[in-house]
């Protein structure tokens, strides 16, 4: 929120204002009447409920997407391994499926201790 207050705190304060305005029907603050405040609180509650439902749906969608990503990635890994087994680790086909050809790999560095 812009002023740093969370939704629940604003709703609690608004409900207290509605209660005071209900107990004092003559309290009118310019164009701010009990009906205006009640309508705004009702709309805010509806928006909060809609937002919460959307968050649940979005969470499920994100989880489903992550699960499918893992599945597809496992297929890619298995496919790449299969192409490497069939065509070899230095083949163009292995390079095409995203593998690093054996000739393109950096040689391992020796683990000789550095002399000062």
PDB file of N, CA and C in Angstrom:
ATOM      1  N   UNK A   1       0.833  -1.180   0.000  1.00  0.00           N
ATOM      2  CA  UNK A   1       0.000   0.000   0.000  1.00  0.00           C
ATOM      3  C   UNK A   1       0.880   1.246   0.000  1.00  0.00           C
ATOM      4  N   UNK A   2       0.331   2.310  -0.470  1.00  0.00           N
ATOM      5  CA  UNK A   2       1.117   3.523  -0.639  1.00  0.00           C
ATOM      6  C   UNK A   2       1.576   4.115   0.686  1.00  0.00           C
ATOM      7  N   UNK A   3       0.719   4.061   1.704  1.00  0.00           N
ATOM      8  CA  UNK A   3       1.104   4.679   2.968  1.00  0.00           C
ATOM      9  C   UNK A   3       1.666   3.685   3.971  1.00  0.00           C
ATOM     10  N   UNK A   4       1.917   2.453   3.555  1.00  0.00           N
ATOM     11  CA  UNK A   4       2.553   1.471   4.418  1.00  0.00           C
ATOM     12  C   UNK A   4       1.600   0.695   5.312  1.00  0.00           C
ATOM     13  N   UNK A   5       0.302   0.915   5.204  1.00  0.00           N
ATOM     14  CA  UNK A   5      -0.668   0.195   6.028  1.00  0.00           C
ATOM     15  C   UNK A   5      -1.169  -1.005   5.246  1.00  0.00           C
ATOM     16  N   UNK A   6      -1.356  -2.112   5.933  1.00  0.00           N
ATOM     17  CA  UNK A   6      -1.825  -3.289   5.225  1.00  0.00           C
ATOM     18  C   UNK A   6      -3.347  -3.296   5.138  1.00  0.00           C
ATOM     19  N   UNK A   7      -3.852  -4.137   4.292  1.00  0.00           N
ATOM     20  CA  UNK A   7      -5.274  -4.190   3.990  1.00  0.00           C
ATOM     21  C   UNK A   7      -6.115  -4.504   5.221  1.00  0.00           C
ATOM     22  N   UNK A   8      -5.675  -5.459   6.027  1.00  0.00           N
ATOM     23  CA  UNK A   8      -6.442  -5.837   7.210  1.00  0.00           C
ATOM     24  C   UNK A   8      -6.543  -4.689   8.218  1.00  0.00           C
ATOM     25  N   UNK A   9      -5.480  -3.928   8.372  1.00  0.00           N
ATOM     26  CA  UNK A   9      -5.510  -2.796   9.298  1.00  0.00           C
ATOM     27  C   UNK A   9      -6.471  -1.722   8.802  1.00  0.00           C
ATOM     28  N   UNK A  10      -6.478  -1.472   7.508  1.00  0.00           N
ATOM     29  CA  UNK A  10      -7.380  -0.470   6.942  1.00  0.00           C
ATOM     30  C   UNK A  10      -8.829  -0.929   7.099  1.00  0.00           C
ATOM     31  N   UNK A  11      -9.089  -2.213   6.840  1.00  0.00           N
ATOM     32  CA  UNK A  11     -10.457  -2.726   6.998  1.00  0.00           C
ATOM     33  C   UNK A  11     -10.912  -2.645   8.458  1.00  0.00           C
ATOM     34  N   UNK A  12     -10.034  -2.958   9.384  1.00  0.00           N
ATOM     35  CA  UNK A  12     -10.390  -2.871  10.798  1.00  0.00           C
ATOM     36  C   UNK A  12     -10.742  -1.435  11.181  1.00  0.00           C
ATOM     37  N   UNK A  13      -9.928  -0.486  10.723  1.00  0.00           N
ATOM     38  CA  UNK A  13     -10.209   0.925  11.014  1.00  0.00           C
ATOM     39  C   UNK A  13     -11.509   1.366  10.352  1.00  0.00           C
ATOM     40  N   UNK A  14     -11.728   0.921   9.132  1.00  0.00           N
ATOM     41  CA  UNK A  14     -12.951   1.299   8.422  1.00  0.00           C
ATOM     42  C   UNK A  14     -14.181   0.729   9.113  1.00  0.00           C
ATOM     43  N   UNK A  15     -14.089  -0.501   9.603  1.00  0.00           N
ATOM     44  CA  UNK A  15     -15.218  -1.093  10.321  1.00  0.00           C
ATOM     45  C   UNK A  15     -15.513  -0.349  11.619  1.00  0.00           C
ATOM     46  N   UNK A  16     -14.474   0.127  12.294  1.00  0.00           N
ATOM     47  CA  UNK A  16     -14.686   0.936  13.501  1.00  0.00           C
ATOM     48  C   UNK A  16     -15.366   2.261  13.140  1.00  0.00           C
ATOM     49  N   UNK A  17     -14.963   2.863  12.017  1.00  0.00           N
ATOM     50  CA  UNK A  17     -15.595   4.102  11.569  1.00  0.00           C
ATOM     51  C   UNK A  17     -17.061   3.865  11.244  1.00  0.00           C
ATOM     52  N   UNK A  18     -17.368   2.756  10.578  1.00  0.00           N
ATOM     53  CA  UNK A  18     -18.762   2.421  10.257  1.00  0.00           C
ATOM     54  C   UNK A  18     -19.563   2.252  11.544  1.00  0.00           C
ATOM     55  N   UNK A  19     -18.970   1.600  12.539  1.00  0.00           N
ATOM     56  CA  UNK A  19     -19.667   1.396  13.804  1.00  0.00           C
ATOM     57  C   UNK A  19     -19.987   2.732  14.472  1.00  0.00           C
ATOM     58  N   UNK A  20     -19.024   3.631  14.516  1.00  0.00           N
ATOM     59  CA  UNK A  20     -19.245   4.945  15.137  1.00  0.00           C
ATOM     60  C   UNK A  20     -20.286   5.733  14.349  1.00  0.00           C
ATOM     61  N   UNK A  21     -20.221   5.689  13.028  1.00  0.00           N
ATOM     62  CA  UNK A  21     -21.187   6.424  12.206  1.00  0.00           C
ATOM     63  C   UNK A  21     -22.587   5.823  12.334  1.00  0.00           C
ATOM     64  N   UNK A  22     -22.661   4.513  12.535  1.00  0.00           N
ATOM     65  CA  UNK A  22     -23.963   3.863  12.717  1.00  0.00           C
ATOM     66  C   UNK A  22     -24.582   4.283  14.042  1.00  0.00           C
ATOM     67  N   UNK A  23     -23.774   4.363  15.093  1.00  0.00           N
ATOM     68  CA  UNK A  23     -24.267   4.760  16.410  1.00  0.00           C
ATOM     69  C   UNK A  23     -24.600   6.247  16.485  1.00  0.00           C
ATOM     70  N   UNK A  24     -24.034   7.028  15.563  1.00  0.00           N
ATOM     71  CA  UNK A  24     -24.278   8.481  15.525  1.00  0.00           C
ATOM     72  C   UNK A  24     -24.757   8.869  14.128  1.00  0.00           C
ATOM     73  N   UNK A  25     -26.048   8.625  13.825  1.00  0.00           N
ATOM     74  CA  UNK A  25     -26.552   8.852  12.470  1.00  0.00           C
ATOM     75  C   UNK A  25     -26.478  10.311  12.016  1.00  0.00           C
ATOM     76  N   UNK A  26     -26.363  11.240  12.926  1.00  0.00           N
ATOM     77  CA  UNK A  26     -26.292  12.642  12.523  1.00  0.00           C
ATOM     78  C   UNK A  26     -24.885  13.051  12.090  1.00  0.00           C
ATOM     79  N   UNK A  27     -23.915  12.152  12.261  1.00  0.00           N
ATOM     80  CA  UNK A  27     -22.531  12.459  11.887  1.00  0.00           C
ATOM     81  C   UNK A  27     -22.384  12.383  10.374  1.00  0.00           C
ATOM     82  N   UNK A  28     -22.207  13.530   9.756  1.00  0.00           N
ATOM     83  CA  UNK A  28     -21.966  13.611   8.318  1.00  0.00           C
ATOM     84  C   UNK A  28     -20.771  14.532   8.128  1.00  0.00           C
ATOM     85  N   UNK A  29     -19.776  14.062   7.427  1.00  0.00           N
ATOM     86  CA  UNK A  29     -18.550  14.833   7.221  1.00  0.00           C
ATOM     87  C   UNK A  29     -18.460  15.235   5.752  1.00  0.00           C
ATOM     88  N   UNK A  30     -19.170  16.273   5.392  1.00  0.00           N
ATOM     89  CA  UNK A  30     -19.211  16.707   3.991  1.00  0.00           C
ATOM     90  C   UNK A  30     -19.913  15.647   3.158  1.00  0.00           C
ATOM     91  N   UNK A  31     -19.240  15.162   2.137  1.00  0.00           N
ATOM     92  CA  UNK A  31     -19.831  14.116   1.292  1.00  0.00           C
ATOM     93  C   UNK A  31     -19.549  12.711   1.833  1.00  0.00           C
ATOM     94  N   UNK A  32     -18.904  12.615   2.985  1.00  0.00           N
ATOM     95  CA  UNK A  32     -18.595  11.320   3.598  1.00  0.00           C
ATOM     96  C   UNK A  32     -19.740  10.929   4.526  1.00  0.00           C
ATOM     97  N   UNK A  33     -20.595  10.052   4.014  1.00  0.00           N
ATOM     98  CA  UNK A  33     -21.741   9.591   4.792  1.00  0.00           C
ATOM     99  C   UNK A  33     -21.556   8.119   5.118  1.00  0.00           C
ATOM    100  N   UNK A  34     -22.433   7.612   5.958  1.00  0.00           N
ATOM    101  CA  UNK A  34     -22.379   6.204   6.338  1.00  0.00           C
ATOM    102  C   UNK A  34     -22.523   5.309   5.115  1.00  0.00           C
ATOM    103  N   UNK A  35     -23.425   5.663   4.215  1.00  0.00           N
ATOM    104  CA  UNK A  35     -23.629   4.843   3.005  1.00  0.00           C
ATOM    105  C   UNK A  35     -22.394   4.820   2.110  1.00  0.00           C
ATOM    106  N   UNK A  36     -21.710   5.937   1.997  1.00  0.00           N
ATOM    107  CA  UNK A  36     -20.504   6.008   1.169  1.00  0.00           C
ATOM    108  C   UNK A  36     -19.408   5.114   1.770  1.00  0.00           C
ATOM    109  N   UNK A  37     -19.233   5.192   3.088  1.00  0.00           N
ATOM    110  CA  UNK A  37     -18.194   4.394   3.746  1.00  0.00           C
ATOM    111  C   UNK A  37     -18.535   2.909   3.649  1.00  0.00           C
ATOM    112  N   UNK A  38     -19.808   2.552   3.901  1.00  0.00           N
ATOM    113  CA  UNK A  38     -20.215   1.148   3.809  1.00  0.00           C
ATOM    114  C   UNK A  38     -19.994   0.596   2.405  1.00  0.00           C
ATOM    115  N   UNK A  39     -20.332   1.378   1.398  1.00  0.00           N
ATOM    116  CA  UNK A  39     -20.152   0.931   0.008  1.00  0.00           C
ATOM    117  C   UNK A  39     -18.669   0.718  -0.303  1.00  0.00           C
ATOM    118  N   UNK A  40     -17.826   1.613   0.174  1.00  0.00           N
ATOM    119  CA  UNK A  40     -16.387   1.493  -0.069  1.00  0.00           C
ATOM    120  C   UNK A  40     -15.809   0.268   0.655  1.00  0.00           C
ATOM    121  N   UNK A  41     -16.260   0.016   1.877  1.00  0.00           N
ATOM    122  CA  UNK A  41     -15.784  -1.136   2.640  1.00  0.00           C
ATOM    123  C   UNK A  41     -16.252  -2.427   1.978  1.00  0.00           C
ATOM    124  N   UNK A  42     -17.494  -2.460   1.522  1.00  0.00           N
ATOM    125  CA  UNK A  42     -18.026  -3.640   0.830  1.00  0.00           C
ATOM    126  C   UNK A  42     -17.232  -3.928  -0.431  1.00  0.00           C
ATOM    127  N   UNK A  43     -16.926  -2.875  -1.196  1.00  0.00           N
ATOM    128  CA  UNK A  43     -16.138  -3.061  -2.416  1.00  0.00           C
ATOM    129  C   UNK A  43     -14.734  -3.551  -2.086  1.00  0.00           C
ATOM    130  N   UNK A  44     -14.121  -2.997  -1.037  1.00  0.00           N
ATOM    131  CA  UNK A  44     -12.780  -3.422  -0.651  1.00  0.00           C
ATOM    132  C   UNK A  44     -12.776  -4.881  -0.205  1.00  0.00           C
ATOM    133  N   UNK A  45     -13.785  -5.299   0.549  1.00  0.00           N
ATOM    134  CA  UNK A  45     -13.893  -6.701   0.953  1.00  0.00           C
ATOM    135  C   UNK A  45     -14.036  -7.620  -0.258  1.00  0.00           C
ATOM    136  N   UNK A  46     -14.832  -7.204  -1.237  1.00  0.00           N
ATOM    137  CA  UNK A  46     -15.010  -8.007  -2.453  1.00  0.00           C
ATOM    138  C   UNK A  46     -13.694  -8.106  -3.229  1.00  0.00           C
ATOM    139  N   UNK A  47     -12.979  -7.006  -3.325  1.00  0.00           N
ATOM    140  CA  UNK A  47     -11.686  -7.010  -4.023  1.00  0.00           C
ATOM    141  C   UNK A  47     -10.678  -7.896  -3.293  1.00  0.00           C
ATOM    142  N   UNK A  48     -10.696  -7.849  -1.973  1.00  0.00           N
ATOM    143  CA  UNK A  48      -9.787  -8.687  -1.188  1.00  0.00           C
ATOM    144  C   UNK A  48     -10.087 -10.163  -1.423  1.00  0.00           C
ATOM    145  N   UNK A  49     -11.361 -10.508  -1.413  1.00  0.00           N
ATOM    146  CA  UNK A  49     -11.748 -11.902  -1.640  1.00  0.00           C
ATOM    147  C   UNK A  49     -11.343 -12.354  -3.041  1.00  0.00           C
ATOM    148  N   UNK A  50     -11.573 -11.509  -4.027  1.00  0.00           N
ATOM    149  CA  UNK A  50     -11.188 -11.828  -5.404  1.00  0.00           C
ATOM    150  C   UNK A  50      -9.681 -11.987  -5.524  1.00  0.00           C
ATOM    151  N   UNK A  51      -8.937 -11.097  -4.882  1.00  0.00           N
ATOM    152  CA  UNK A  51      -7.479 -11.169  -4.901  1.00  0.00           C
ATOM    153  C   UNK A  51      -6.981 -12.466  -4.278  1.00  0.00           C
ATOM    154  N   UNK A  52      -7.569 -12.831  -3.146  1.00  0.00           N
ATOM    155  CA  UNK A  52      -7.149 -14.057  -2.467  1.00  0.00           C
ATOM    156  C   UNK A  52      -7.433 -15.291  -3.325  1.00  0.00           C
ATOM    157  N   UNK A  53      -8.578 -15.306  -4.004  1.00  0.00           N
ATOM    158  CA  UNK A  53      -8.901 -16.419  -4.896  1.00  0.00           C
ATOM    159  C   UNK A  53      -7.918 -16.486  -6.065  1.00  0.00           C
ATOM    160  N   UNK A  54      -7.567 -15.332  -6.596  1.00  0.00           N
ATOM    161  CA  UNK A  54      -6.609 -15.279  -7.698  1.00  0.00           C
ATOM    162  C   UNK A  54      -5.234 -15.779  -7.245  1.00  0.00           C
ATOM    163  N   UNK A  55      -4.843 -15.435  -6.031  1.00  0.00           N
ATOM    164  CA  UNK A  55      -3.551 -15.893  -5.517  1.00  0.00           C
ATOM    165  C   UNK A  55      -3.511 -17.407  -5.412  1.00  0.00           C
ATOM    166  N   UNK A  56      -4.616 -18.008  -4.959  1.00  0.00           N
ATOM    167  CA  UNK A  56      -4.682 -19.464  -4.868  1.00  0.00           C
ATOM    168  C   UNK A  56      -4.559 -20.073  -6.262  1.00  0.00           C
ATOM    169  N   UNK A  57      -5.284 -19.498  -7.221  1.00  0.00           N
ATOM    170  CA  UNK A  57      -5.219 -19.992  -8.608  1.00  0.00           C
ATOM    171  C   UNK A  57      -3.820 -19.819  -9.179  1.00  0.00           C
ATOM    172  N   UNK A  58      -3.216 -18.664  -8.920  1.00  0.00           N
ATOM    173  CA  UNK A  58      -1.874 -18.404  -9.432  1.00  0.00           C
ATOM    174  C   UNK A  58      -0.858 -19.354  -8.813  1.00  0.00           C
ATOM    175  N   UNK A  59      -0.997 -19.626  -7.520  1.00  0.00           N
ATOM    176  CA  UNK A  59      -0.090 -20.564  -6.857  1.00  0.00           C
ATOM    177  C   UNK A  59      -0.186 -21.940  -7.494  1.00  0.00           C
ATOM    178  N   UNK A  60      -1.405 -22.390  -7.772  1.00  0.00           N
ATOM    179  CA  UNK A  60      -1.596 -23.692  -8.419  1.00  0.00           C
ATOM    180  C   UNK A  60      -0.986 -23.680  -9.815  1.00  0.00           C
ATOM    181  N   UNK A  61      -1.197 -22.604 -10.554  1.00  0.00           N
ATOM    182  CA  UNK A  61      -0.643 -22.506 -11.898  1.00  0.00           C
ATOM    183  C   UNK A  61       0.882 -22.522 -11.880  1.00  0.00           C
ATOM    184  N   UNK A  62       1.478 -21.815 -10.934  1.00  0.00           N
ATOM    185  CA  UNK A  62       2.944 -21.796 -10.811  1.00  0.00           C
ATOM    186  C   UNK A  62       3.461 -23.190 -10.457  1.00  0.00           C
ATOM    187  N   UNK A  63       2.787 -23.859  -9.525  1.00  0.00           N
ATOM    188  CA  UNK A  63       3.202 -25.216  -9.147  1.00  0.00           C
ATOM    189  C   UNK A  63       3.093 -26.182 -10.328  1.00  0.00           C
ATOM    190  N   UNK A  64       1.979 -26.097 -11.067  1.00  0.00           N
ATOM    191  CA  UNK A  64       1.798 -26.967 -12.236  1.00  0.00           C
ATOM    192  C   UNK A  64       2.867 -26.695 -13.294  1.00  0.00           C
ATOM    193  N   UNK A  65       3.184 -25.404 -13.499  1.00  0.00           N
ATOM    194  CA  UNK A  65       4.215 -25.039 -14.469  1.00  0.00           C
ATOM    195  C   UNK A  65       5.577 -25.571 -14.040  1.00  0.00           C
ATOM    196  N   UNK A  66       5.898 -25.453 -12.763  1.00  0.00           N
ATOM    197  CA  UNK A  66       7.180 -25.961 -12.264  1.00  0.00           C
ATOM    198  C   UNK A  66       7.274 -27.477 -12.416  1.00  0.00           C
ATOM    199  N   UNK A  67       6.177 -28.181 -12.113  1.00  0.00           N
ATOM    200  CA  UNK A  67       6.174 -29.638 -12.269  1.00  0.00           C
ATOM    201  C   UNK A  67       6.378 -30.036 -13.725  1.00  0.00           C
ATOM    202  N   UNK A  68       5.698 -29.337 -14.637  1.00  0.00           N
ATOM    203  CA  UNK A  68       5.830 -29.653 -16.059  1.00  0.00           C
ATOM    204  C   UNK A  68       7.225 -29.316 -16.562  1.00  0.00           C
ATOM    205  N   UNK A  69       7.811 -28.243 -16.045  1.00  0.00           N
ATOM    206  CA  UNK A  69       9.176 -27.870 -16.415  1.00  0.00           C
ATOM    207  C   UNK A  69      10.158 -28.968 -16.019  1.00  0.00           C
ATOM    208  N   UNK A  70       9.994 -29.505 -14.813  1.00  0.00           N
ATOM    209  CA  UNK A  70      10.870 -30.595 -14.361  1.00  0.00           C
ATOM    210  C   UNK A  70      10.720 -31.821 -15.249  1.00  0.00           C
ATOM    211  N   UNK A  71       9.477 -32.135 -15.626  1.00  0.00           N
ATOM    212  CA  UNK A  71       9.229 -33.295 -16.478  1.00  0.00           C
ATOM    213  C   UNK A  71       9.885 -33.128 -17.841  1.00  0.00           C
ATOM    214  N   UNK A  72       9.658 -31.969 -18.465  1.00  0.00           N
ATOM    215  CA  UNK A  72      10.234 -31.720 -19.790  1.00  0.00           C
ATOM    216  C   UNK A  72      11.751 -31.697 -19.713  1.00  0.00           C
ATOM    217  N   UNK A  73      12.309 -31.114 -18.663  1.00  0.00           N
ATOM    218  CA  UNK A  73      13.761 -31.089 -18.510  1.00  0.00           C
ATOM    219  C   UNK A  73      14.323 -32.502 -18.368  1.00  0.00           C
ATOM    220  N   UNK A  74      13.602 -33.378 -17.675  1.00  0.00           N
ATOM    221  CA  UNK A  74      14.075 -34.764 -17.564  1.00  0.00           C
ATOM    222  C   UNK A  74      14.057 -35.446 -18.930  1.00  0.00           C
ATOM    223  N   UNK A  75      13.045 -35.112 -19.771  1.00  0.00           N
ATOM    224  CA  UNK A  75      13.005 -35.660 -21.131  1.00  0.00           C
ATOM    225  C   UNK A  75      14.183 -35.157 -21.953  1.00  0.00           C
ATOM    226  N   UNK A  76      14.503 -33.879 -21.810  1.00  0.00           N
ATOM    227  CA  UNK A  76      15.626 -33.302 -22.549  1.00  0.00           C
ATOM    228  C   UNK A  76      16.929 -33.979 -22.125  1.00  0.00           C
ATOM    229  N   UNK A  77      17.113 -34.167 -20.832  1.00  0.00           N
ATOM    230  CA  UNK A  77      18.324 -34.817 -20.330  1.00  0.00           C
ATOM    231  C   UNK A  77      18.435 -36.246 -20.848  1.00  0.00           C
ATOM    232  N   UNK A  78      17.323 -36.980 -20.775  1.00  0.00           N
ATOM    233  CA  UNK A  78      17.333 -38.362 -21.274  1.00  0.00           C
ATOM    234  C   UNK A  78      17.585 -38.394 -22.776  1.00  0.00           C
ATOM    235  N   UNK A  79      16.951 -37.473 -23.510  1.00  0.00           N
ATOM    236  CA  UNK A  79      17.140 -37.430 -24.959  1.00  0.00           C
ATOM    237  C   UNK A  79      18.571 -37.099 -25.336  1.00  0.00           C
ATOM    238  N   UNK A  80      19.150 -36.136 -24.623  1.00  0.00           N
ATOM    239  CA  UNK A  80      20.536 -35.750 -24.889  1.00  0.00           C
ATOM    240  C   UNK A  80      21.474 -36.922 -24.608  1.00  0.00           C
ATOM    241  N   UNK A  81      21.217 -37.641 -23.524  1.00  0.00           N
ATOM    242  CA  UNK A  81      22.045 -38.812 -23.204  1.00  0.00           C
ATOM    243  C   UNK A  81      21.890 -39.893 -24.263  1.00  0.00           C
ATOM    244  N   UNK A  82      20.661 -40.057 -24.756  1.00  0.00           N
ATOM    245  CA  UNK A  82      20.430 -41.048 -25.806  1.00  0.00           C
ATOM    246  C   UNK A  82      21.135 -40.692 -27.095  1.00  0.00           C
ATOM    247  N   UNK A  83      21.082 -39.423 -27.472  1.00  0.00           N
ATOM    248  CA  UNK A  83      21.775 -38.980 -28.686  1.00  0.00           C
ATOM    249  C   UNK A  83      23.279 -39.168 -28.519  1.00  0.00           C
ATOM    250  N   UNK A  84      23.801 -38.879 -27.344  1.00  0.00           N
ATOM    251  CA  UNK A  84      25.228 -39.059 -27.085  1.00  0.00           C
ATOM    252  C   UNK A  84      25.608 -40.535 -27.190  1.00  0.00           C
ATOM    253  N   UNK A  85      24.737 -41.425 -26.676  1.00  0.00           N
ATOM    254  CA  UNK A  85      25.028 -42.865 -26.725  1.00  0.00           C
ATOM    255  C   UNK A  85      24.963 -43.392 -28.150  1.00  0.00           C
ATOM    256  N   UNK A  86      24.016 -42.911 -28.948  1.00  0.00           N
ATOM    257  CA  UNK A  86      23.835 -43.428 -30.306  1.00  0.00           C
ATOM    258  C   UNK A  86      24.842 -42.820 -31.276  1.00  0.00           C
ATOM    259  N   UNK A  87      25.023 -41.500 -31.229  1.00  0.00           N
ATOM    260  CA  UNK A  87      25.857 -40.827 -32.223  1.00  0.00           C
ATOM    261  C   UNK A  87      27.267 -40.510 -31.745  1.00  0.00           C
ATOM    262  N   UNK A  88      27.481 -40.541 -30.438  1.00  0.00           N
ATOM    263  CA  UNK A  88      28.816 -40.274 -29.904  1.00  0.00           C
ATOM    264  C   UNK A  88      28.922 -38.885 -29.303  1.00  0.00           C
ATOM    265  N   UNK A  89      29.882 -38.714 -28.377  1.00  0.00           N
ATOM    266  CA  UNK A  89      30.018 -37.443 -27.670  1.00  0.00           C
ATOM    267  C   UNK A  89      30.634 -36.327 -28.508  1.00  0.00           C
ATOM    268  N   UNK A  90      31.099 -36.634 -29.709  1.00  0.00           N
ATOM    269  CA  UNK A  90      31.717 -35.621 -30.553  1.00  0.00           C
ATOM    270  C   UNK A  90      30.897 -35.392 -31.821  1.00  0.00           C
ATOM    271  N   UNK A  91      29.652 -35.847 -31.836  1.00  0.00           N
ATOM    272  CA  UNK A  91      28.848 -35.783 -33.056  1.00  0.00           C
ATOM    273  C   UNK A  91      28.133 -34.441 -33.194  1.00  0.00           C
ATOM    274  N   UNK A  92      27.777 -34.137 -34.437  1.00  0.00           N
ATOM    275  CA  UNK A  92      27.012 -32.918 -34.711  1.00  0.00           C
ATOM    276  C   UNK A  92      25.612 -33.021 -34.101  1.00  0.00           C
ATOM    277  N   UNK A  93      25.044 -34.234 -34.069  1.00  0.00           N
ATOM    278  CA  UNK A  93      23.715 -34.416 -33.498  1.00  0.00           C
ATOM    279  C   UNK A  93      23.713 -34.089 -31.996  1.00  0.00           C
ATOM    280  N   UNK A  94      24.767 -34.496 -31.308  1.00  0.00           N
ATOM    281  CA  UNK A  94      24.877 -34.204 -29.880  1.00  0.00           C
ATOM    282  C   UNK A  94      24.973 -32.695 -29.665  1.00  0.00           C
ATOM    283  N   UNK A  95      25.684 -32.013 -30.544  1.00  0.00           N
ATOM    284  CA  UNK A  95      25.780 -30.557 -30.485  1.00  0.00           C
ATOM    285  C   UNK A  95      24.415 -29.926 -30.760  1.00  0.00           C
ATOM    286  N   UNK A  96      23.648 -30.489 -31.689  1.00  0.00           N
ATOM    287  CA  UNK A  96      22.340 -29.946 -32.049  1.00  0.00           C
ATOM    288  C   UNK A  96      21.332 -30.018 -30.900  1.00  0.00           C
ATOM    289  N   UNK A  97      21.438 -31.041 -30.062  1.00  0.00           N
ATOM    290  CA  UNK A  97      20.493 -31.159 -28.941  1.00  0.00           C
ATOM    291  C   UNK A  97      20.982 -30.437 -27.696  1.00  0.00           C
ATOM    292  N   UNK A  98      22.059 -29.663 -27.818  1.00  0.00           N
ATOM    293  CA  UNK A  98      22.512 -28.829 -26.717  1.00  0.00           C
ATOM    294  C   UNK A  98      23.673 -29.374 -25.922  1.00  0.00           C
ATOM    295  N   UNK A  99      24.231 -30.481 -26.333  1.00  0.00           N
ATOM    296  CA  UNK A  99      25.397 -31.028 -25.641  1.00  0.00           C
ATOM    297  C   UNK A  99      26.659 -30.296 -26.058  1.00  0.00           C
ATOM    298  N   UNK A 100      27.685 -30.384 -25.243  1.00  0.00           N
ATOM    299  CA  UNK A 100      28.974 -29.798 -25.587  1.00  0.00           C
ATOM    300  C   UNK A 100      29.849 -30.906 -26.160  1.00  0.00           C
ATOM    301  N   UNK A 101      30.241 -30.713 -27.401  1.00  0.00           N
ATOM    302  CA  UNK A 101      31.055 -31.737 -28.068  1.00  0.00           C
ATOM    303  C   UNK A 101      32.367 -31.925 -27.330  1.00  0.00           C
ATOM    304  N   UNK A 102      32.869 -33.138 -27.409  1.00  0.00           N
ATOM    305  CA  UNK A 102      34.088 -33.491 -26.682  1.00  0.00           C
ATOM    306  C   UNK A 102      35.267 -32.620 -27.110  1.00  0.00           C
ATOM    307  N   UNK A 103      35.351 -32.306 -28.387  1.00  0.00           N
ATOM    308  CA  UNK A 103      36.460 -31.476 -28.885  1.00  0.00           C
ATOM    309  C   UNK A 103      36.369 -30.031 -28.379  1.00  0.00           C
ATOM    310  N   UNK A 104      35.174 -29.598 -27.995  1.00  0.00           N
ATOM    311  CA  UNK A 104      34.978 -28.213 -27.570  1.00  0.00           C
ATOM    312  C   UNK A 104      35.147 -28.024 -26.071  1.00  0.00           C
ATOM    313  N   UNK A 105      35.327 -29.108 -25.360  1.00  0.00           N
ATOM    314  CA  UNK A 105      35.503 -29.008 -23.906  1.00  0.00           C
ATOM    315  C   UNK A 105      36.905 -28.509 -23.584  1.00  0.00           C
ATOM    316  N   UNK A 106      36.993 -27.720 -22.522  1.00  0.00           N
ATOM    317  CA  UNK A 106      38.298 -27.251 -22.073  1.00  0.00           C
ATOM    318  C   UNK A 106      39.036 -28.420 -21.426  1.00  0.00           C
ATOM    319  N   UNK A 107      40.336 -28.498 -21.636  1.00  0.00           N
ATOM    320  CA  UNK A 107      41.077 -29.555 -20.954  1.00  0.00           C
ATOM    321  C   UNK A 107      41.142 -29.260 -19.457  1.00  0.00           C
ATOM    322  N   UNK A 108      41.202 -30.313 -18.687  1.00  0.00           N
ATOM    323  CA  UNK A 108      41.312 -30.124 -17.240  1.00  0.00           C
ATOM    324  C   UNK A 108      42.654 -29.508 -16.904  1.00  0.00           C
ATOM    325  N   UNK A 109      42.620 -28.643 -15.935  1.00  0.00           N
ATOM    326  CA  UNK A 109      43.891 -28.045 -15.514  1.00  0.00           C
ATOM    327  C   UNK A 109      44.561 -28.985 -14.527  1.00  0.00           C
ATOM    328  N   UNK A 110      45.871 -28.975 -14.549  1.00  0.00           N
ATOM    329  CA  UNK A 110      46.597 -29.838 -13.624  1.00  0.00           C
ATOM    330  C   UNK A 110      46.514 -29.243 -12.226  1.00  0.00           C
ATOM    331  N   UNK A 111      46.578 -30.101 -11.253  1.00  0.00           N
ATOM    332  CA  UNK A 111      46.471 -29.659  -9.876  1.00  0.00           C
ATOM    333  C   UNK A 111      47.840 -29.594  -9.222  1.00  0.00           C
ATOM    334  N   UNK A 112      48.793 -29.087  -9.957  1.00  0.00           N
ATOM    335  CA  UNK A 112      50.147 -28.934  -9.405  1.00  0.00           C
ATOM    336  C   UNK A 112      50.150 -27.802  -8.414  1.00  0.00           C
ATOM    337  N   UNK A 113      50.842 -27.974  -7.319  1.00  0.00           N
ATOM    338  CA  UNK A 113      50.903 -26.883  -6.357  1.00  0.00           C
ATOM    339  C   UNK A 113      51.690 -25.720  -6.940  1.00  0.00           C
ATOM    340  N   UNK A 114      51.230 -24.537  -6.655  1.00  0.00           N
ATOM    341  CA  UNK A 114      51.906 -23.334  -7.152  1.00  0.00           C
ATOM    342  C   UNK A 114      53.136 -23.077  -6.295  1.00  0.00           C
ATOM    343  N   UNK A 115      54.227 -22.832  -6.973  1.00  0.00           N
ATOM    344  CA  UNK A 115      55.465 -22.528  -6.245  1.00  0.00           C
ATOM    345  C   UNK A 115      55.581 -21.032  -6.058  1.00  0.00           C
ATOM    346  N   UNK A 116      55.972 -20.609  -4.862  1.00  0.00           N
ATOM    347  CA  UNK A 116      56.089 -19.165  -4.600  1.00  0.00           C
ATOM    348  C   UNK A 116      57.252 -18.500  -5.266  1.00  0.00           C
TER     349      UNK A 116
END
